[in-house]
N, C-alpha and C. Protein backbone atom coordinates (compact mmCIF):
# COMPACT_ATOMS: atom_id res chain seq x y z
N MET A 1 46.39 10.13 -9.26
CA MET A 1 45.08 10.72 -9.03
C MET A 1 44.05 11.26 -10.37
N ASN A 2 45.12 11.27 -11.63
CA ASN A 2 44.14 11.71 -12.66
C ASN A 2 43.34 10.41 -12.82
N LYS A 3 43.66 9.37 -13.18
CA LYS A 3 43.04 7.91 -12.71
C LYS A 3 41.73 7.99 -11.88
N LEU A 4 41.63 8.26 -10.69
CA LEU A 4 41.16 8.46 -9.89
C LEU A 4 39.49 9.32 -10.13
N LYS A 5 40.52 10.63 -10.71
CA LYS A 5 39.38 11.36 -10.92
C LYS A 5 38.47 10.96 -11.98
N SER A 6 39.25 10.33 -13.11
CA SER A 6 38.60 10.00 -14.25
C SER A 6 37.70 8.70 -14.01
N TRP A 7 37.64 7.96 -13.32
CA TRP A 7 37.32 6.77 -12.78
C TRP A 7 36.14 7.77 -12.13
N LEU A 8 35.99 8.54 -10.73
CA LEU A 8 35.03 9.08 -10.18
C LEU A 8 34.25 9.50 -11.19
N GLN A 9 34.38 10.31 -12.56
CA GLN A 9 33.39 11.42 -13.34
C GLN A 9 32.58 10.36 -14.13
N THR A 10 33.67 9.05 -14.49
CA THR A 10 32.24 8.13 -15.51
C THR A 10 31.61 7.63 -14.40
N PHE A 11 31.93 7.63 -13.11
CA PHE A 11 30.98 6.71 -12.19
C PHE A 11 29.79 7.23 -12.18
N TRP A 12 30.25 8.94 -12.05
CA TRP A 12 29.03 9.93 -11.58
C TRP A 12 28.26 10.18 -13.08
N ARG A 13 28.78 9.80 -13.56
CA ARG A 13 27.67 10.10 -15.19
C ARG A 13 26.81 9.16 -15.58
N GLU A 14 27.66 7.57 -15.06
CA GLU A 14 26.77 6.45 -15.63
C GLU A 14 25.14 6.16 -15.12
N GLU A 15 24.84 5.84 -16.06
CA GLU A 15 22.91 5.88 -15.36
C GLU A 15 22.45 4.42 -15.37
N ASP A 16 23.07 3.35 -15.51
CA ASP A 16 23.01 2.02 -15.37
C ASP A 16 22.40 1.76 -13.75
N GLY A 17 21.18 0.88 -13.63
CA GLY A 17 20.81 1.09 -12.49
C GLY A 17 20.01 2.15 -11.86
N LEU A 18 20.13 3.10 -12.69
CA LEU A 18 18.95 4.74 -11.77
C LEU A 18 17.67 4.13 -12.01
N GLY A 19 16.66 3.10 -12.55
CA GLY A 19 15.45 2.91 -12.54
C GLY A 19 15.12 2.66 -11.24
N THR A 20 16.34 1.55 -10.51
CA THR A 20 16.13 0.85 -8.97
C THR A 20 16.20 1.71 -8.57
N LEU A 21 17.14 2.79 -8.19
CA LEU A 21 17.17 3.78 -7.54
C LEU A 21 15.95 4.41 -7.44
N GLU A 22 15.73 5.04 -8.15
CA GLU A 22 14.19 5.55 -8.51
C GLU A 22 13.66 5.02 -7.55
N ILE A 23 12.69 3.91 -7.82
CA ILE A 23 12.13 3.00 -7.48
C ILE A 23 12.55 2.59 -5.58
N LEU A 24 13.58 2.41 -5.23
CA LEU A 24 13.99 2.70 -3.85
C LEU A 24 13.83 3.88 -2.94
N LEU A 25 14.01 4.93 -4.00
CA LEU A 25 13.13 5.98 -3.41
C LEU A 25 12.05 6.45 -3.01
N ILE A 26 11.11 5.78 -4.20
CA ILE A 26 9.61 6.31 -4.00
C ILE A 26 9.59 5.19 -2.49
N VAL A 27 9.81 3.80 -2.79
CA VAL A 27 9.51 2.93 -2.23
C VAL A 27 9.94 3.63 -0.12
N ALA A 28 10.83 4.26 -0.07
CA ALA A 28 11.31 4.72 1.43
C ALA A 28 10.46 5.98 1.66
N VAL A 29 9.98 6.94 0.48
CA VAL A 29 9.53 7.93 0.67
C VAL A 29 7.73 7.61 1.40
N LEU A 30 7.54 6.22 0.80
CA LEU A 30 6.30 5.70 1.34
C LEU A 30 6.16 5.13 2.44
N VAL A 31 7.44 4.14 3.06
CA VAL A 31 7.38 3.95 3.95
C VAL A 31 7.73 4.99 5.37
N ALA A 32 8.21 5.89 4.59
CA ALA A 32 8.30 7.36 6.27
C ALA A 32 7.02 7.85 6.54
N ILE A 33 6.10 8.14 5.11
CA ILE A 33 4.90 8.66 5.13
C ILE A 33 4.16 7.40 6.13
N ALA A 34 4.31 6.40 5.75
CA ALA A 34 3.12 5.23 6.55
C ALA A 34 3.62 5.65 8.40
N ILE A 35 5.43 5.49 8.34
CA ILE A 35 5.57 5.32 9.75
C ILE A 35 4.77 6.63 10.55
N ILE A 36 4.94 7.89 9.69
CA ILE A 36 4.29 9.41 9.91
C ILE A 36 3.24 9.29 10.88
N PHE A 37 2.06 8.40 9.73
CA PHE A 37 0.88 8.57 9.76
C PHE A 37 0.43 7.45 10.46
N ARG A 38 1.13 6.85 10.51
CA ARG A 38 0.27 5.37 11.12
C ARG A 38 -1.01 5.04 12.18
N LYS A 39 -0.29 5.78 13.00
CA LYS A 39 -1.71 6.25 14.17
C LYS A 39 -3.07 6.38 13.60
N TRP A 40 -2.35 7.80 12.80
CA TRP A 40 -4.07 8.11 11.71
C TRP A 40 -4.65 7.10 10.99
N ILE A 41 -3.52 6.22 10.46
CA ILE A 41 -4.20 5.32 9.33
C ILE A 41 -4.27 4.04 10.05
N VAL A 42 -4.30 3.72 11.19
CA VAL A 42 -4.19 2.61 12.13
C VAL A 42 -6.00 2.82 12.44
N HIS A 43 -6.17 4.15 13.43
CA HIS A 43 -7.39 4.44 14.07
C HIS A 43 -8.26 4.66 12.25
N TRP A 44 -8.30 4.99 11.64
CA TRP A 44 -9.24 5.28 9.88
C TRP A 44 -9.62 3.92 9.42
N PHE A 45 -8.48 2.61 9.70
CA PHE A 45 -8.70 1.35 9.78
C PHE A 45 -9.67 0.91 10.23
N ASN A 46 -9.36 0.82 11.64
CA ASN A 46 -9.95 0.36 12.48
C ASN A 46 -11.39 0.78 12.57
N GLN A 47 -11.57 2.13 12.43
CA GLN A 47 -13.22 2.77 12.58
C GLN A 47 -14.01 2.39 11.13
N LEU A 48 -13.07 1.99 9.66
CA LEU A 48 -13.75 1.83 8.44
C LEU A 48 -14.43 -0.13 8.92
N ILE A 49 -13.67 -0.38 9.64
CA ILE A 49 -13.89 -2.10 9.44
C ILE A 49 -15.07 -2.01 10.68
N GLY A 50 -14.70 -1.30 11.88
CA GLY A 50 -15.90 -1.19 12.62
C GLY A 50 -17.37 -0.76 12.35
N ASN A 51 -17.16 0.00 11.24
CA ASN A 51 -18.46 0.69 10.68
C ASN A 51 -19.10 -0.27 9.85
N ALA A 52 -18.14 -1.40 9.22
CA ALA A 52 -18.87 -1.99 8.17
C ALA A 52 -19.10 -3.10 9.34
N ASN A 53 -18.67 -3.42 10.09
CA ASN A 53 -19.17 -4.50 11.54
C ASN A 53 -20.52 -4.62 11.81
N THR A 54 -20.64 -2.56 12.73
CA THR A 54 -22.12 -2.27 12.74
C THR A 54 -23.05 -2.00 11.53
N ASP A 55 -22.50 -2.18 10.51
CA ASP A 55 -23.81 -2.21 9.39
C ASP A 55 -24.39 -3.78 9.04
N LEU A 56 -23.71 -4.57 9.13
CA LEU A 56 -23.66 -6.10 9.05
C LEU A 56 -24.76 -6.60 10.23
N LYS A 57 -23.92 -6.23 11.29
CA LYS A 57 -25.01 -6.30 12.79
C LYS A 57 -26.59 -5.76 12.73
N ASP A 58 -26.95 -4.71 12.11
CA ASP A 58 -27.84 -4.06 12.23
C ASP A 58 -28.19 -3.73 10.79
N SER A 59 -27.83 -4.65 10.13
CA SER A 59 -28.82 -5.00 8.67
C SER A 59 -29.85 -6.14 8.93
N SER A 60 -31.19 -5.98 8.27
CA SER A 60 -32.13 -6.78 8.56
C SER A 60 -32.60 -7.78 6.84
N VAL A 61 -30.90 -7.76 5.88
CA VAL A 61 -31.29 -8.29 5.24
C VAL A 61 -30.81 -9.61 5.56
N ILE A 62 -31.30 -11.26 5.06
CA ILE A 62 -30.92 -12.03 5.42
C ILE A 62 -29.91 -12.58 4.34
N PRO A 63 -29.07 -13.22 4.12
CA PRO A 63 -27.90 -13.26 3.38
C PRO A 63 -28.90 -14.70 2.71
N CYS A 64 -28.16 -14.83 1.35
CA CYS A 64 -29.22 -16.16 0.54
C CYS A 64 -27.84 -16.80 0.48
N ASN A 65 -28.41 -18.48 0.74
CA ASN A 65 -27.22 -19.31 0.32
C ASN A 65 -27.50 -20.41 -0.45
N PRO A 66 -26.85 -20.10 -1.69
CA PRO A 66 -27.71 -20.90 -2.60
C PRO A 66 -27.31 -22.60 -2.44
N ALA A 67 -26.50 -22.94 -1.56
CA ALA A 67 -26.14 -24.29 -1.55
C ALA A 67 -27.85 -24.75 -0.66
N SER A 68 -28.42 -23.92 0.33
CA SER A 68 -29.39 -24.39 0.80
C SER A 68 -30.81 -24.78 -0.34
N GLY A 69 -30.48 -24.76 -1.25
CA GLY A 69 -31.77 -24.76 -2.58
C GLY A 69 -32.57 -23.35 -2.68
N ALA A 70 -32.43 -22.37 -2.01
CA ALA A 70 -33.16 -21.34 -1.81
C ALA A 70 -32.80 -20.76 -3.44
N ASN A 71 -33.65 -19.99 -3.74
CA ASN A 71 -33.93 -18.97 -5.05
C ASN A 71 -33.58 -17.80 -4.76
N CYS A 72 -31.98 -17.21 -5.22
CA CYS A 72 -31.23 -16.23 -4.54
C CYS A 72 -31.54 -14.84 -5.57
N ALA A 73 -32.37 -15.04 -7.02
CA ALA A 73 -32.68 -14.33 -7.61
C ALA A 73 -33.60 -13.19 -7.33
N GLN A 74 -33.29 -12.01 -7.52
CA GLN A 74 -33.98 -10.94 -6.96
C GLN A 74 -34.85 -9.80 -8.01
């Protein structure tokens, strides 16, 4: 019984692999937050992409294509 108790105490005090455990806990928390707020995140992302697409469609700026030989310097 004393041998088991001694082994458990040694195991509890051992710090090998502690960095890995901390990283796993951080990843687990980030995944949990992403799952909890996934609808909000997806809505925000779609709104962001939608606004970018709208801005590109409404833009009167003509893109420059250097391959066509046009002078793109402004």
